[in-house]
């Protein structure tokens, strides 16, 4: 009698801890710290969004609720993966004016900064 074939091996990933400066991922048998300074996409994420991480491939991490994809190698060597996404408005694109919560007046970029 032959044994049945083994199933597809899956790579495990889990968020083990979150702090004000980053979070820890368990990747297979090791723990990796993910600092918000180097990975700003996660800074304002909820615990639920951070922990909803998938690992579709051994070298690929995906956070579907945040629309973030990372190469596992970028966690070990972030200097090899310069940040492409930047916070704030892009050059040449004007943000829409907002209204002050207290006065209801329209805030222009000059009023927002000072």
PDB file of N, CA and C in Angstrom:
ATOM      1  N   UNK A   1       0.841  -1.172   0.000  1.00  0.00           N
ATOM      2  CA  UNK A   1       0.000   0.000   0.000  1.00  0.00           C
ATOM      3  C   UNK A   1       0.892   1.243   0.000  1.00  0.00           C
ATOM      4  N   UNK A   2       0.577   2.181  -0.869  1.00  0.00           N
ATOM      5  CA  UNK A   2       1.343   3.414  -0.966  1.00  0.00           C
ATOM      6  C   UNK A   2       0.682   4.504  -0.136  1.00  0.00           C
ATOM      7  N   UNK A   3       1.525   5.366   0.412  1.00  0.00           N
ATOM      8  CA  UNK A   3       1.010   6.539   1.117  1.00  0.00           C
ATOM      9  C   UNK A   3       0.537   7.559   0.094  1.00  0.00           C
ATOM     10  N   UNK A   4      -0.416   8.355   0.490  1.00  0.00           N
ATOM     11  CA  UNK A   4      -0.871   9.404  -0.421  1.00  0.00           C
ATOM     12  C   UNK A   4       0.180  10.504  -0.496  1.00  0.00           C
ATOM     13  N   UNK A   5       0.137  11.258  -1.579  1.00  0.00           N
ATOM     14  CA  UNK A   5       1.085  12.353  -1.766  1.00  0.00           C
ATOM     15  C   UNK A   5       0.878  13.414  -0.711  1.00  0.00           C
ATOM     16  N   UNK A   6       1.965  14.010  -0.330  1.00  0.00           N
ATOM     17  CA  UNK A   6       1.876  15.124   0.606  1.00  0.00           C
ATOM     18  C   UNK A   6       1.243  16.318  -0.087  1.00  0.00           C
ATOM     19  N   UNK A   7       0.615  17.175   0.705  1.00  0.00           N
ATOM     20  CA  UNK A   7       0.013  18.383   0.169  1.00  0.00           C
ATOM     21  C   UNK A   7       1.077  19.423  -0.144  1.00  0.00           C
ATOM     22  N   UNK A   8       0.647  20.514  -0.708  1.00  0.00           N
ATOM     23  CA  UNK A   8       1.551  21.614  -1.015  1.00  0.00           C
ATOM     24  C   UNK A   8       2.043  22.233   0.277  1.00  0.00           C
ATOM     25  N   UNK A   9       3.330  22.472   0.356  1.00  0.00           N
ATOM     26  CA  UNK A   9       3.897  23.093   1.539  1.00  0.00           C
ATOM     27  C   UNK A   9       3.534  24.573   1.548  1.00  0.00           C
ATOM     28  N   UNK A  10       3.028  25.037   2.663  1.00  0.00           N
ATOM     29  CA  UNK A  10       2.696  26.445   2.781  1.00  0.00           C
ATOM     30  C   UNK A  10       3.704  27.114   3.698  1.00  0.00           C
ATOM     31  N   UNK A  11       4.015  28.349   3.419  1.00  0.00           N
ATOM     32  CA  UNK A  11       4.935  29.114   4.244  1.00  0.00           C
ATOM     33  C   UNK A  11       4.121  29.889   5.264  1.00  0.00           C
ATOM     34  N   UNK A  12       4.510  29.765   6.504  1.00  0.00           N
ATOM     35  CA  UNK A  12       3.763  30.386   7.584  1.00  0.00           C
ATOM     36  C   UNK A  12       4.200  31.827   7.809  1.00  0.00           C
ATOM     37  N   UNK A  13       3.232  32.693   8.098  1.00  0.00           N
ATOM     38  CA  UNK A  13       3.501  34.077   8.490  1.00  0.00           C
ATOM     39  C   UNK A  13       2.468  34.477   9.532  1.00  0.00           C
ATOM     40  N   UNK A  14       2.926  35.232  10.522  1.00  0.00           N
ATOM     41  CA  UNK A  14       2.040  35.668  11.600  1.00  0.00           C
ATOM     42  C   UNK A  14       2.617  36.922  12.248  1.00  0.00           C
ATOM     43  N   UNK A  15       1.758  37.868  12.592  1.00  0.00           N
ATOM     44  CA  UNK A  15       2.184  39.043  13.359  1.00  0.00           C
ATOM     45  C   UNK A  15       2.186  38.621  14.826  1.00  0.00           C
ATOM     46  N   UNK A  16       3.351  38.752  15.476  1.00  0.00           N
ATOM     47  CA  UNK A  16       3.456  38.292  16.856  1.00  0.00           C
ATOM     48  C   UNK A  16       3.357  39.406  17.885  1.00  0.00           C
ATOM     49  N   UNK A  17       3.650  40.654  17.486  1.00  0.00           N
ATOM     50  CA  UNK A  17       3.613  41.758  18.436  1.00  0.00           C
ATOM     51  C   UNK A  17       3.579  43.073  17.654  1.00  0.00           C
ATOM     52  N   UNK A  18       2.961  44.084  18.245  1.00  0.00           N
ATOM     53  CA  UNK A  18       2.891  45.410  17.640  1.00  0.00           C
ATOM     54  C   UNK A  18       3.300  46.425  18.704  1.00  0.00           C
ATOM     55  N   UNK A  19       4.118  47.401  18.309  1.00  0.00           N
ATOM     56  CA  UNK A  19       4.539  48.459  19.220  1.00  0.00           C
ATOM     57  C   UNK A  19       4.351  49.801  18.522  1.00  0.00           C
ATOM     58  N   UNK A  20       4.556  50.902  19.220  1.00  0.00           N
ATOM     59  CA  UNK A  20       4.420  52.214  18.568  1.00  0.00           C
ATOM     60  C   UNK A  20       5.441  52.463  17.455  1.00  0.00           C
ATOM     61  N   UNK A  21       6.525  51.690  17.410  1.00  0.00           N
ATOM     62  CA  UNK A  21       7.553  51.930  16.391  1.00  0.00           C
ATOM     63  C   UNK A  21       7.606  50.866  15.300  1.00  0.00           C
ATOM     64  N   UNK A  22       6.781  49.834  15.402  1.00  0.00           N
ATOM     65  CA  UNK A  22       6.776  48.789  14.382  1.00  0.00           C
ATOM     66  C   UNK A  22       6.086  47.529  14.867  1.00  0.00           C
ATOM     67  N   UNK A  23       6.265  46.452  14.114  1.00  0.00           N
ATOM     68  CA  UNK A  23       5.669  45.175  14.505  1.00  0.00           C
ATOM     69  C   UNK A  23       6.599  44.028  14.141  1.00  0.00           C
ATOM     70  N   UNK A  24       6.355  42.873  14.763  1.00  0.00           N
ATOM     71  CA  UNK A  24       7.179  41.691  14.560  1.00  0.00           C
ATOM     72  C   UNK A  24       6.389  40.666  13.765  1.00  0.00           C
ATOM     73  N   UNK A  25       7.048  40.089  12.787  1.00  0.00           N
ATOM     74  CA  UNK A  25       6.472  39.016  11.974  1.00  0.00           C
ATOM     75  C   UNK A  25       7.200  37.721  12.265  1.00  0.00           C
ATOM     76  N   UNK A  26       6.451  36.650  12.433  1.00  0.00           N
ATOM     77  CA  UNK A  26       7.030  35.313  12.487  1.00  0.00           C
ATOM     78  C   UNK A  26       6.975  34.756  11.075  1.00  0.00           C
ATOM     79  N   UNK A  27       8.136  34.522  10.501  1.00  0.00           N
ATOM     80  CA  UNK A  27       8.248  33.950   9.158  1.00  0.00           C
ATOM     81  C   UNK A  27       8.920  32.600   9.296  1.00  0.00           C
ATOM     82  N   UNK A  28       8.146  31.550   9.109  1.00  0.00           N
ATOM     83  CA  UNK A  28       8.643  30.190   9.302  1.00  0.00           C
ATOM     84  C   UNK A  28       9.228  30.057  10.711  1.00  0.00           C
ATOM     85  N   UNK A  29      10.521  29.931  10.838  1.00  0.00           N
ATOM     86  CA  UNK A  29      11.153  29.712  12.141  1.00  0.00           C
ATOM     87  C   UNK A  29      11.864  30.941  12.694  1.00  0.00           C
ATOM     88  N   UNK A  30      11.671  32.101  12.096  1.00  0.00           N
ATOM     89  CA  UNK A  30      12.386  33.296  12.569  1.00  0.00           C
ATOM     90  C   UNK A  30      11.423  34.454  12.790  1.00  0.00           C
ATOM     91  N   UNK A  31      11.866  35.404  13.617  1.00  0.00           N
ATOM     92  CA  UNK A  31      11.078  36.596  13.902  1.00  0.00           C
ATOM     93  C   UNK A  31      11.784  37.806  13.300  1.00  0.00           C
ATOM     94  N   UNK A  32      11.018  38.658  12.608  1.00  0.00           N
ATOM     95  CA  UNK A  32      11.570  39.815  11.905  1.00  0.00           C
ATOM     96  C   UNK A  32      10.835  41.061  12.382  1.00  0.00           C
ATOM     97  N   UNK A  33      11.587  42.116  12.714  1.00  0.00           N
ATOM     98  CA  UNK A  33      10.978  43.385  13.104  1.00  0.00           C
ATOM     99  C   UNK A  33      10.755  44.243  11.861  1.00  0.00           C
ATOM    100  N   UNK A  34       9.573  44.843  11.762  1.00  0.00           N
ATOM    101  CA  UNK A  34       9.204  45.698  10.632  1.00  0.00           C
ATOM    102  C   UNK A  34       8.985  47.114  11.190  1.00  0.00           C
ATOM    103  N   UNK A  35      10.004  47.982  11.102  1.00  0.00           N
ATOM    104  CA  UNK A  35       9.864  49.335  11.662  1.00  0.00           C
ATOM    105  C   UNK A  35       9.002  50.229  10.772  1.00  0.00           C
ATOM    106  N   UNK A  36       8.122  51.009  11.404  1.00  0.00           N
ATOM    107  CA  UNK A  36       7.269  51.925  10.647  1.00  0.00           C
ATOM    108  C   UNK A  36       8.088  52.984   9.922  1.00  0.00           C
ATOM    109  N   UNK A  37       9.250  53.321  10.447  1.00  0.00           N
ATOM    110  CA  UNK A  37      10.097  54.329   9.801  1.00  0.00           C
ATOM    111  C   UNK A  37      10.512  53.873   8.401  1.00  0.00           C
ATOM    112  N   UNK A  38      10.817  52.596   8.255  1.00  0.00           N
ATOM    113  CA  UNK A  38      11.248  52.067   6.959  1.00  0.00           C
ATOM    114  C   UNK A  38      10.097  51.518   6.128  1.00  0.00           C
ATOM    115  N   UNK A  39       8.969  51.238   6.766  1.00  0.00           N
ATOM    116  CA  UNK A  39       7.800  50.697   6.080  1.00  0.00           C
ATOM    117  C   UNK A  39       6.578  51.526   6.479  1.00  0.00           C
ATOM    118  N   UNK A  40       6.494  52.778   6.003  1.00  0.00           N
ATOM    119  CA  UNK A  40       5.461  53.716   6.470  1.00  0.00           C
ATOM    120  C   UNK A  40       4.029  53.334   6.109  1.00  0.00           C
ATOM    121  N   UNK A  41       3.837  52.420   5.188  1.00  0.00           N
ATOM    122  CA  UNK A  41       2.493  52.004   4.785  1.00  0.00           C
ATOM    123  C   UNK A  41       1.725  51.390   5.945  1.00  0.00           C
ATOM    124  N   UNK A  42       2.440  50.892   6.948  1.00  0.00           N
ATOM    125  CA  UNK A  42       1.787  50.211   8.068  1.00  0.00           C
ATOM    126  C   UNK A  42       1.537  51.123   9.263  1.00  0.00           C
ATOM    127  N   UNK A  43       2.083  52.317   9.262  1.00  0.00           N
ATOM    128  CA  UNK A  43       2.054  53.208  10.437  1.00  0.00           C
ATOM    129  C   UNK A  43       0.642  53.451  10.969  1.00  0.00           C
ATOM    130  N   UNK A  44      -0.313  53.712  10.113  1.00  0.00           N
ATOM    131  CA  UNK A  44      -1.666  54.036  10.553  1.00  0.00           C
ATOM    132  C   UNK A  44      -2.636  52.857  10.450  1.00  0.00           C
ATOM    133  N   UNK A  45      -2.114  51.676  10.216  1.00  0.00           N
ATOM    134  CA  UNK A  45      -2.965  50.490  10.074  1.00  0.00           C
ATOM    135  C   UNK A  45      -3.508  50.048  11.429  1.00  0.00           C
ATOM    136  N   UNK A  46      -4.674  49.443  11.401  1.00  0.00           N
ATOM    137  CA  UNK A  46      -5.239  48.865  12.623  1.00  0.00           C
ATOM    138  C   UNK A  46      -4.569  47.511  12.884  1.00  0.00           C
ATOM    139  N   UNK A  47      -4.751  47.002  14.093  1.00  0.00           N
ATOM    140  CA  UNK A  47      -4.219  45.675  14.422  1.00  0.00           C
ATOM    141  C   UNK A  47      -4.818  44.634  13.470  1.00  0.00           C
ATOM    142  N   UNK A  48      -6.101  44.748  13.205  1.00  0.00           N
ATOM    143  CA  UNK A  48      -6.757  43.812  12.288  1.00  0.00           C
ATOM    144  C   UNK A  48      -6.165  43.841  10.892  1.00  0.00           C
ATOM    145  N   UNK A  49      -5.852  45.035  10.411  1.00  0.00           N
ATOM    146  CA  UNK A  49      -5.245  45.150   9.077  1.00  0.00           C
ATOM    147  C   UNK A  49      -3.832  44.583   9.063  1.00  0.00           C
ATOM    148  N   UNK A  50      -3.058  44.829  10.123  1.00  0.00           N
ATOM    149  CA  UNK A  50      -1.693  44.289  10.189  1.00  0.00           C
ATOM    150  C   UNK A  50      -1.686  42.773  10.246  1.00  0.00           C
ATOM    151  N   UNK A  51      -2.607  42.209  11.020  1.00  0.00           N
ATOM    152  CA  UNK A  51      -2.598  40.756  11.207  1.00  0.00           C
ATOM    153  C   UNK A  51      -3.226  39.999  10.043  1.00  0.00           C
ATOM    154  N   UNK A  52      -3.864  40.698   9.128  1.00  0.00           N
ATOM    155  CA  UNK A  52      -4.453  40.048   7.952  1.00  0.00           C
ATOM    156  C   UNK A  52      -3.406  39.922   6.851  1.00  0.00           C
ATOM    157  N   UNK A  53      -2.305  39.292   7.182  1.00  0.00           N
ATOM    158  CA  UNK A  53      -1.195  39.135   6.240  1.00  0.00           C
ATOM    159  C   UNK A  53      -1.269  37.754   5.600  1.00  0.00           C
ATOM    160  N   UNK A  54      -0.956  37.700   4.333  1.00  0.00           N
ATOM    161  CA  UNK A  54      -0.929  36.438   3.582  1.00  0.00           C
ATOM    162  C   UNK A  54       0.464  36.239   3.007  1.00  0.00           C
ATOM    163  N   UNK A  55       0.782  35.004   2.762  1.00  0.00           N
ATOM    164  CA  UNK A  55       2.073  34.675   2.143  1.00  0.00           C
ATOM    165  C   UNK A  55       1.814  33.745   0.957  1.00  0.00           C
ATOM    166  N   UNK A  56       1.459  34.344  -0.189  1.00  0.00           N
ATOM    167  CA  UNK A  56       1.128  33.518  -1.347  1.00  0.00           C
ATOM    168  C   UNK A  56       2.313  32.742  -1.909  1.00  0.00           C
ATOM    169  N   UNK A  57       3.512  33.192  -1.609  1.00  0.00           N
ATOM    170  CA  UNK A  57       4.729  32.535  -2.070  1.00  0.00           C
ATOM    171  C   UNK A  57       5.779  32.743  -0.988  1.00  0.00           C
ATOM    172  N   UNK A  58       6.761  31.887  -0.917  1.00  0.00           N
ATOM    173  CA  UNK A  58       7.784  31.984   0.131  1.00  0.00           C
ATOM    174  C   UNK A  58       8.508  33.329   0.136  1.00  0.00           C
ATOM    175  N   UNK A  59       8.573  33.990  -1.003  1.00  0.00           N
ATOM    176  CA  UNK A  59       9.296  35.262  -1.089  1.00  0.00           C
ATOM    177  C   UNK A  59       8.377  36.483  -1.152  1.00  0.00           C
ATOM    178  N   UNK A  60       7.074  36.288  -0.907  1.00  0.00           N
ATOM    179  CA  UNK A  60       6.098  37.354  -1.120  1.00  0.00           C
ATOM    180  C   UNK A  60       5.121  37.434   0.050  1.00  0.00           C
ATOM    181  N   UNK A  61       4.948  38.652   0.597  1.00  0.00           N
ATOM    182  CA  UNK A  61       3.952  38.910   1.638  1.00  0.00           C
ATOM    183  C   UNK A  61       2.906  39.870   1.080  1.00  0.00           C
ATOM    184  N   UNK A  62       1.640  39.665   1.487  1.00  0.00           N
ATOM    185  CA  UNK A  62       0.557  40.490   0.973  1.00  0.00           C
ATOM    186  C   UNK A  62      -0.415  40.834   2.098  1.00  0.00           C
ATOM    187  N   UNK A  63      -0.746  42.130   2.208  1.00  0.00           N
ATOM    188  CA  UNK A  63      -1.762  42.622   3.135  1.00  0.00           C
ATOM    189  C   UNK A  63      -2.923  43.123   2.289  1.00  0.00           C
ATOM    190  N   UNK A  64      -3.945  42.287   2.035  1.00  0.00           N
ATOM    191  CA  UNK A  64      -5.030  42.670   1.134  1.00  0.00           C
ATOM    192  C   UNK A  64      -5.827  43.885   1.610  1.00  0.00           C
ATOM    193  N   UNK A  65      -6.023  44.039   2.911  1.00  0.00           N
ATOM    194  CA  UNK A  65      -6.804  45.172   3.418  1.00  0.00           C
ATOM    195  C   UNK A  65      -6.053  46.497   3.278  1.00  0.00           C
ATOM    196  N   UNK A  66      -4.740  46.432   3.161  1.00  0.00           N
ATOM    197  CA  UNK A  66      -3.920  47.636   3.015  1.00  0.00           C
ATOM    198  C   UNK A  66      -3.410  47.824   1.587  1.00  0.00           C
ATOM    199  N   UNK A  67      -3.631  46.824   0.731  1.00  0.00           N
ATOM    200  CA  UNK A  67      -3.124  46.825  -0.637  1.00  0.00           C
ATOM    201  C   UNK A  67      -1.604  47.016  -0.648  1.00  0.00           C
ATOM    202  N   UNK A  68      -0.929  46.239   0.213  1.00  0.00           N
ATOM    203  CA  UNK A  68       0.527  46.297   0.329  1.00  0.00           C
ATOM    204  C   UNK A  68       1.103  44.936  -0.006  1.00  0.00           C
ATOM    205  N   UNK A  69       2.126  44.925  -0.857  1.00  0.00           N
ATOM    206  CA  UNK A  69       2.876  43.724  -1.203  1.00  0.00           C
ATOM    207  C   UNK A  69       4.342  43.990  -0.901  1.00  0.00           C
ATOM    208  N   UNK A  70       4.997  43.022  -0.262  1.00  0.00           N
ATOM    209  CA  UNK A  70       6.415  43.162   0.053  1.00  0.00           C
ATOM    210  C   UNK A  70       7.157  41.897  -0.318  1.00  0.00           C
ATOM    211  N   UNK A  71       8.365  42.083  -0.790  1.00  0.00           N
ATOM    212  CA  UNK A  71       9.276  40.951  -0.955  1.00  0.00           C
ATOM    213  C   UNK A  71       9.833  40.635   0.430  1.00  0.00           C
ATOM    214  N   UNK A  72       9.887  39.372   0.789  1.00  0.00           N
ATOM    215  CA  UNK A  72      10.441  38.976   2.087  1.00  0.00           C
ATOM    216  C   UNK A  72      11.863  39.510   2.224  1.00  0.00           C
ATOM    217  N   UNK A  73      12.604  39.529   1.142  1.00  0.00           N
ATOM    218  CA  UNK A  73      13.986  40.029   1.165  1.00  0.00           C
ATOM    219  C   UNK A  73      14.049  41.492   1.606  1.00  0.00           C
ATOM    220  N   UNK A  74      13.003  42.272   1.329  1.00  0.00           N
ATOM    221  CA  UNK A  74      13.008  43.690   1.715  1.00  0.00           C
ATOM    222  C   UNK A  74      12.990  43.869   3.229  1.00  0.00           C
ATOM    223  N   UNK A  75      12.538  42.879   3.961  1.00  0.00           N
ATOM    224  CA  UNK A  75      12.553  42.958   5.421  1.00  0.00           C
ATOM    225  C   UNK A  75      13.971  42.793   5.964  1.00  0.00           C
ATOM    226  N   UNK A  76      14.750  41.962   5.304  1.00  0.00           N
ATOM    227  CA  UNK A  76      16.135  41.740   5.718  1.00  0.00           C
ATOM    228  C   UNK A  76      17.080  42.811   5.194  1.00  0.00           C
ATOM    229  N   UNK A  77      16.770  43.356   4.024  1.00  0.00           N
ATOM    230  CA  UNK A  77      17.647  44.336   3.370  1.00  0.00           C
ATOM    231  C   UNK A  77      16.830  45.502   2.813  1.00  0.00           C
ATOM    232  N   UNK A  78      16.237  46.339   3.684  1.00  0.00           N
ATOM    233  CA  UNK A  78      15.407  47.430   3.176  1.00  0.00           C
ATOM    234  C   UNK A  78      16.187  48.434   2.324  1.00  0.00           C
ATOM    235  N   UNK A  79      17.493  48.523   2.533  1.00  0.00           N
ATOM    236  CA  UNK A  79      18.291  49.464   1.740  1.00  0.00           C
ATOM    237  C   UNK A  79      18.321  49.084   0.259  1.00  0.00           C
ATOM    238  N   UNK A  80      18.053  47.839  -0.057  1.00  0.00           N
ATOM    239  CA  UNK A  80      18.009  47.396  -1.459  1.00  0.00           C
ATOM    240  C   UNK A  80      16.681  47.727  -2.135  1.00  0.00           C
ATOM    241  N   UNK A  81      15.708  48.154  -1.323  1.00  0.00           N
ATOM    242  CA  UNK A  81      14.362  48.427  -1.824  1.00  0.00           C
ATOM    243  C   UNK A  81      13.954  49.838  -1.411  1.00  0.00           C
ATOM    244  N   UNK A  82      14.429  50.864  -2.128  1.00  0.00           N
ATOM    245  CA  UNK A  82      14.088  52.236  -1.745  1.00  0.00           C
ATOM    246  C   UNK A  82      12.581  52.458  -1.809  1.00  0.00           C
ATOM    247  N   UNK A  83      12.116  53.300  -0.917  1.00  0.00           N
ATOM    248  CA  UNK A  83      10.690  53.592  -0.866  1.00  0.00           C
ATOM    249  C   UNK A  83      10.252  54.317  -2.131  1.00  0.00           C
ATOM    250  N   UNK A  84       9.168  53.861  -2.693  1.00  0.00           N
ATOM    251  CA  UNK A  84       8.615  54.502  -3.876  1.00  0.00           C
ATOM    252  C   UNK A  84       7.423  55.356  -3.462  1.00  0.00           C
ATOM    253  N   UNK A  85       6.632  54.844  -2.546  1.00  0.00           N
ATOM    254  CA  UNK A  85       5.474  55.581  -2.070  1.00  0.00           C
ATOM    255  C   UNK A  85       5.922  56.650  -1.086  1.00  0.00           C
ATOM    256  N   UNK A  86       5.396  57.845  -1.246  1.00  0.00           N
ATOM    257  CA  UNK A  86       5.727  58.945  -0.342  1.00  0.00           C
ATOM    258  C   UNK A  86       4.444  59.462   0.291  1.00  0.00           C
ATOM    259  N   UNK A  87       4.532  59.901   1.528  1.00  0.00           N
ATOM    260  CA  UNK A  87       3.386  60.496   2.198  1.00  0.00           C
ATOM    261  C   UNK A  87       3.198  61.915   1.698  1.00  0.00           C
ATOM    262  N   UNK A  88       1.978  62.384   1.729  1.00  0.00           N
ATOM    263  CA  UNK A  88       1.703  63.761   1.350  1.00  0.00           C
ATOM    264  C   UNK A  88       1.381  63.893  -0.122  1.00  0.00           C
ATOM    265  N   UNK A  89       1.032  65.111  -0.535  1.00  0.00           N
ATOM    266  CA  UNK A  89       0.654  65.324  -1.933  1.00  0.00           C
ATOM    267  C   UNK A  89       1.836  65.167  -2.870  1.00  0.00           C
ATOM    268  N   UNK A  90       1.535  64.719  -4.056  1.00  0.00           N
ATOM    269  CA  UNK A  90       2.563  64.565  -5.073  1.00  0.00           C
ATOM    270  C   UNK A  90       2.834  65.916  -5.722  1.00  0.00           C
ATOM    271  N   UNK A  91       4.072  66.155  -6.153  1.00  0.00           N
ATOM    272  CA  UNK A  91       4.380  67.427  -6.811  1.00  0.00           C
ATOM    273  C   UNK A  91       3.479  67.645  -8.020  1.00  0.00           C
ATOM    274  N   UNK A  92       2.993  68.859  -8.160  1.00  0.00           N
ATOM    275  CA  UNK A  92       2.166  69.190  -9.309  1.00  0.00           C
ATOM    276  C   UNK A  92       0.699  68.862  -9.135  1.00  0.00           C
ATOM    277  N   UNK A  93       0.339  68.191  -8.048  1.00  0.00           N
ATOM    278  CA  UNK A  93      -1.057  67.853  -7.802  1.00  0.00           C
ATOM    279  C   UNK A  93      -1.526  68.669  -6.610  1.00  0.00           C
ATOM    280  N   UNK A  94      -2.554  69.466  -6.823  1.00  0.00           N
ATOM    281  CA  UNK A  94      -3.069  70.303  -5.747  1.00  0.00           C
ATOM    282  C   UNK A  94      -4.118  69.522  -4.979  1.00  0.00           C
ATOM    283  N   UNK A  95      -4.023  69.569  -3.667  1.00  0.00           N
ATOM    284  CA  UNK A  95      -5.036  68.889  -2.862  1.00  0.00           C
ATOM    285  C   UNK A  95      -6.270  69.778  -2.765  1.00  0.00           C
ATOM    286  N   UNK A  96      -7.408  69.143  -2.614  1.00  0.00           N
ATOM    287  CA  UNK A  96      -8.657  69.888  -2.508  1.00  0.00           C
ATOM    288  C   UNK A  96      -8.712  70.609  -1.170  1.00  0.00           C
ATOM    289  N   UNK A  97      -9.192  71.845  -1.158  1.00  0.00           N
ATOM    290  CA  UNK A  97      -9.310  72.559   0.103  1.00  0.00           C
ATOM    291  C   UNK A  97     -10.284  71.845   1.026  1.00  0.00           C
ATOM    292  N   UNK A  98     -10.057  71.937   2.316  1.00  0.00           N
ATOM    293  CA  UNK A  98     -10.949  71.342   3.294  1.00  0.00           C
ATOM    294  C   UNK A  98     -11.578  72.446   4.119  1.00  0.00           C
ATOM    295  N   UNK A  99     -12.573  72.115   4.900  1.00  0.00           N
ATOM    296  CA  UNK A  99     -13.235  73.105   5.746  1.00  0.00           C
ATOM    297  C   UNK A  99     -12.796  72.915   7.189  1.00  0.00           C
ATOM    298  N   UNK A 100     -12.617  74.024   7.883  1.00  0.00           N
ATOM    299  CA  UNK A 100     -12.250  73.994   9.292  1.00  0.00           C
ATOM    300  C   UNK A 100     -13.406  73.399  10.083  1.00  0.00           C
ATOM    301  N   UNK A 101     -13.110  72.535  11.033  1.00  0.00           N
ATOM    302  CA  UNK A 101     -14.162  71.950  11.858  1.00  0.00           C
ATOM    303  C   UNK A 101     -14.782  72.980  12.787  1.00  0.00           C
ATOM    304  N   UNK A 102     -14.006  73.954  13.201  1.00  0.00           N
ATOM    305  CA  UNK A 102     -14.518  74.925  14.170  1.00  0.00           C
ATOM    306  C   UNK A 102     -15.243  76.082  13.508  1.00  0.00           C
ATOM    307  N   UNK A 103     -14.696  76.658  12.443  1.00  0.00           N
ATOM    308  CA  UNK A 103     -15.322  77.831  11.850  1.00  0.00           C
ATOM    309  C   UNK A 103     -16.133  77.525  10.603  1.00  0.00           C
ATOM    310  N   UNK A 104     -15.897  76.379   9.974  1.00  0.00           N
ATOM    311  CA  UNK A 104     -16.574  76.048   8.735  1.00  0.00           C
ATOM    312  C   UNK A 104     -15.982  76.759   7.534  1.00  0.00           C
ATOM    313  N   UNK A 105     -14.959  77.630   7.781  1.00  0.00           N
ATOM    314  CA  UNK A 105     -14.321  78.345   6.683  1.00  0.00           C
ATOM    315  C   UNK A 105     -13.500  77.392   5.844  1.00  0.00           C
ATOM    316  N   UNK A 106     -13.408  77.725   4.599  1.00  0.00           N
ATOM    317  CA  UNK A 106     -12.610  76.930   3.676  1.00  0.00           C
ATOM    318  C   UNK A 106     -11.141  77.156   3.966  1.00  0.00           C
ATOM    319  N   UNK A 107     -10.370  76.066   4.081  1.00  0.00           N
ATOM    320  CA  UNK A 107      -8.946  76.159   4.358  1.00  0.00           C
ATOM    321  C   UNK A 107      -8.164  75.954   3.074  1.00  0.00           C
ATOM    322  N   UNK A 108      -7.343  76.884   2.742  1.00  0.00           N
ATOM    323  CA  UNK A 108      -6.470  76.762   1.588  1.00  0.00           C
ATOM    324  C   UNK A 108      -5.135  76.229   2.073  1.00  0.00           C
ATOM    325  N   UNK A 109      -4.266  75.750   1.182  1.00  0.00           N
ATOM    326  CA  UNK A 109      -2.961  75.244   1.636  1.00  0.00           C
ATOM    327  C   UNK A 109      -2.197  76.218   2.500  1.00  0.00           C
ATOM    328  N   UNK A 110      -2.282  77.547   2.243  1.00  0.00           N
ATOM    329  CA  UNK A 110      -1.564  78.501   3.063  1.00  0.00           C
ATOM    330  C   UNK A 110      -2.137  78.564   4.470  1.00  0.00           C
ATOM    331  N   UNK A 111      -3.445  78.410   4.617  1.00  0.00           N
ATOM    332  CA  UNK A 111      -4.058  78.406   5.951  1.00  0.00           C
ATOM    333  C   UNK A 111      -3.794  77.102   6.691  1.00  0.00           C
ATOM    334  N   UNK A 112      -3.637  76.011   5.956  1.00  0.00           N
ATOM    335  CA  UNK A 112      -3.363  74.725   6.599  1.00  0.00           C
ATOM    336  C   UNK A 112      -1.995  74.708   7.242  1.00  0.00           C
ATOM    337  N   UNK A 113      -1.015  75.364   6.633  1.00  0.00           N
ATOM    338  CA  UNK A 113       0.356  75.305   7.158  1.00  0.00           C
ATOM    339  C   UNK A 113       0.596  76.291   8.285  1.00  0.00           C
ATOM    340  N   UNK A 114      -0.212  77.242   8.511  1.00  0.00           N
ATOM    341  CA  UNK A 114       0.094  78.184   9.560  1.00  0.00           C
ATOM    342  C   UNK A 114      -1.086  78.835  10.046  1.00  0.00           C
TER     343      UNK A 114
END
